[in-house]
Amino acid sequence: MKKLAGELDWVIISADTAISRNPHEIEAWKQAGHPIFFFKHSLLHQTFWQQASRLCHVFPDVIKLAGRARVGDSFQIPVRGAIEGP
């Protein structure tokens, strides 16, 4: 994350929901300043292709939300419905 901190226009998309519970990792991505989108836990139980389809479906919203995000903002991508976040 520190290496990415100097680069602009990055958006982090992760299925590693444990990051959001680890204080050291939270601090690292907040300091990097990039918005981060987590797959919600229920999405992790879907097949790879279902996850990929969902990500493609919400990608325009990811771009829109990332453009408005503040440093350290995080979002959750659910199986259905709108992306959740600040």
Protein backbone atom coordinates (compact mmCIF):
# COMPACT_ATOMS: atom_id res chain seq x y z
CA MET A 1 0.00 0.00 0.00
CA LYS A 2 2.86 2.39 0.74
CA LYS A 3 4.18 1.94 -2.79
CA LEU A 4 0.76 2.83 -4.20
CA ALA A 5 0.44 5.92 -2.02
CA GLY A 6 2.52 7.97 -4.45
CA GLU A 7 0.41 6.96 -7.43
CA LEU A 8 -2.88 8.65 -8.19
CA ASP A 9 -6.12 7.27 -9.59
CA TRP A 10 -5.92 3.82 -8.01
CA VAL A 11 -8.97 2.04 -6.68
CA ILE A 12 -8.50 -1.04 -4.51
CA ILE A 13 -10.99 -3.91 -4.94
CA SER A 14 -10.57 -6.74 -2.48
CA ALA A 15 -12.26 -9.93 -1.41
CA ASP A 16 -10.12 -9.94 1.75
CA THR A 17 -12.68 -8.71 4.26
CA ALA A 18 -10.21 -9.43 7.07
CA ILE A 19 -8.40 -6.22 6.08
CA SER A 20 -11.31 -4.24 7.49
CA ARG A 21 -10.80 -5.86 10.90
CA ASN A 22 -7.02 -5.50 11.16
CA PRO A 23 -6.02 -2.09 12.61
CA HIS A 24 -2.57 -2.13 10.96
CA GLU A 25 -3.98 -2.89 7.53
CA ILE A 26 -6.74 -0.29 7.96
CA GLU A 27 -4.12 2.33 8.78
CA ALA A 28 -2.02 1.29 5.75
CA TRP A 29 -4.84 1.72 3.23
CA LYS A 30 -6.05 4.93 4.84
CA GLN A 31 -2.55 6.39 4.62
CA ALA A 32 -2.28 5.30 0.99
CA GLY A 33 -5.38 7.40 0.35
CA HIS A 34 -7.08 5.16 -2.19
CA PRO A 35 -10.75 4.22 -1.97
CA ILE A 36 -11.21 0.54 -1.24
CA PHE A 37 -14.12 -1.65 -2.26
CA PHE A 38 -14.64 -4.93 -0.41
CA PHE A 39 -16.77 -7.81 -1.55
CA LYS A 40 -19.39 -8.25 1.15
CA HIS A 41 -19.10 -11.59 2.95
CA SER A 42 -22.18 -13.03 1.19
CA LEU A 43 -20.59 -12.33 -2.20
CA LEU A 44 -17.61 -14.48 -1.23
CA HIS A 45 -19.87 -17.54 -1.23
CA GLN A 46 -20.67 -17.06 -4.91
CA THR A 47 -18.71 -18.74 -7.70
CA PHE A 48 -15.85 -16.89 -9.36
CA TRP A 49 -18.03 -16.18 -12.41
CA GLN A 50 -20.88 -14.85 -10.27
CA GLN A 51 -18.42 -12.56 -8.48
CA ALA A 52 -16.96 -11.39 -11.80
CA SER A 53 -20.43 -10.75 -13.20
CA ARG A 54 -21.39 -8.75 -10.12
CA LEU A 55 -18.22 -6.68 -10.31
CA CYS A 56 -18.85 -5.91 -13.99
CA HIS A 57 -22.42 -4.93 -13.17
CA VAL A 58 -21.45 -2.45 -10.43
CA PHE A 59 -18.23 -1.19 -12.03
CA PRO A 60 -19.77 2.08 -13.28
CA ASP A 61 -20.84 2.77 -9.69
CA VAL A 62 -17.35 1.89 -8.42
CA ILE A 63 -15.86 4.49 -10.75
CA LYS A 64 -18.47 7.11 -9.78
CA LEU A 65 -18.07 6.53 -6.02
CA ALA A 66 -14.28 6.39 -6.25
CA GLY A 67 -14.29 9.78 -7.97
CA ARG A 68 -16.17 11.28 -5.01
CA ALA A 69 -14.43 9.32 -2.25
CA ARG A 70 -12.43 10.99 0.47
CA VAL A 71 -9.11 9.67 1.76
CA GLY A 72 -9.67 6.42 3.64
CA ASP A 73 -13.23 5.79 2.41
CA SER A 74 -14.28 2.17 2.08
CA PHE A 75 -17.28 0.55 0.45
CA GLN A 76 -18.91 -2.88 0.35
CA ILE A 77 -20.12 -4.62 -2.79
CA PRO A 78 -23.14 -6.78 -1.93
CA VAL A 79 -24.60 -9.71 -3.89
CA ARG A 80 -27.59 -7.52 -4.80
CA GLY A 81 -28.48 -3.87 -4.50
CA ALA A 82 -26.42 -0.75 -4.29
CA ILE A 83 -22.84 -0.48 -3.09
CA GLU A 84 -22.74 0.42 0.59
CA GLY A 85 -20.42 3.04 1.99
CA PRO A 86 -20.00 6.57 3.22
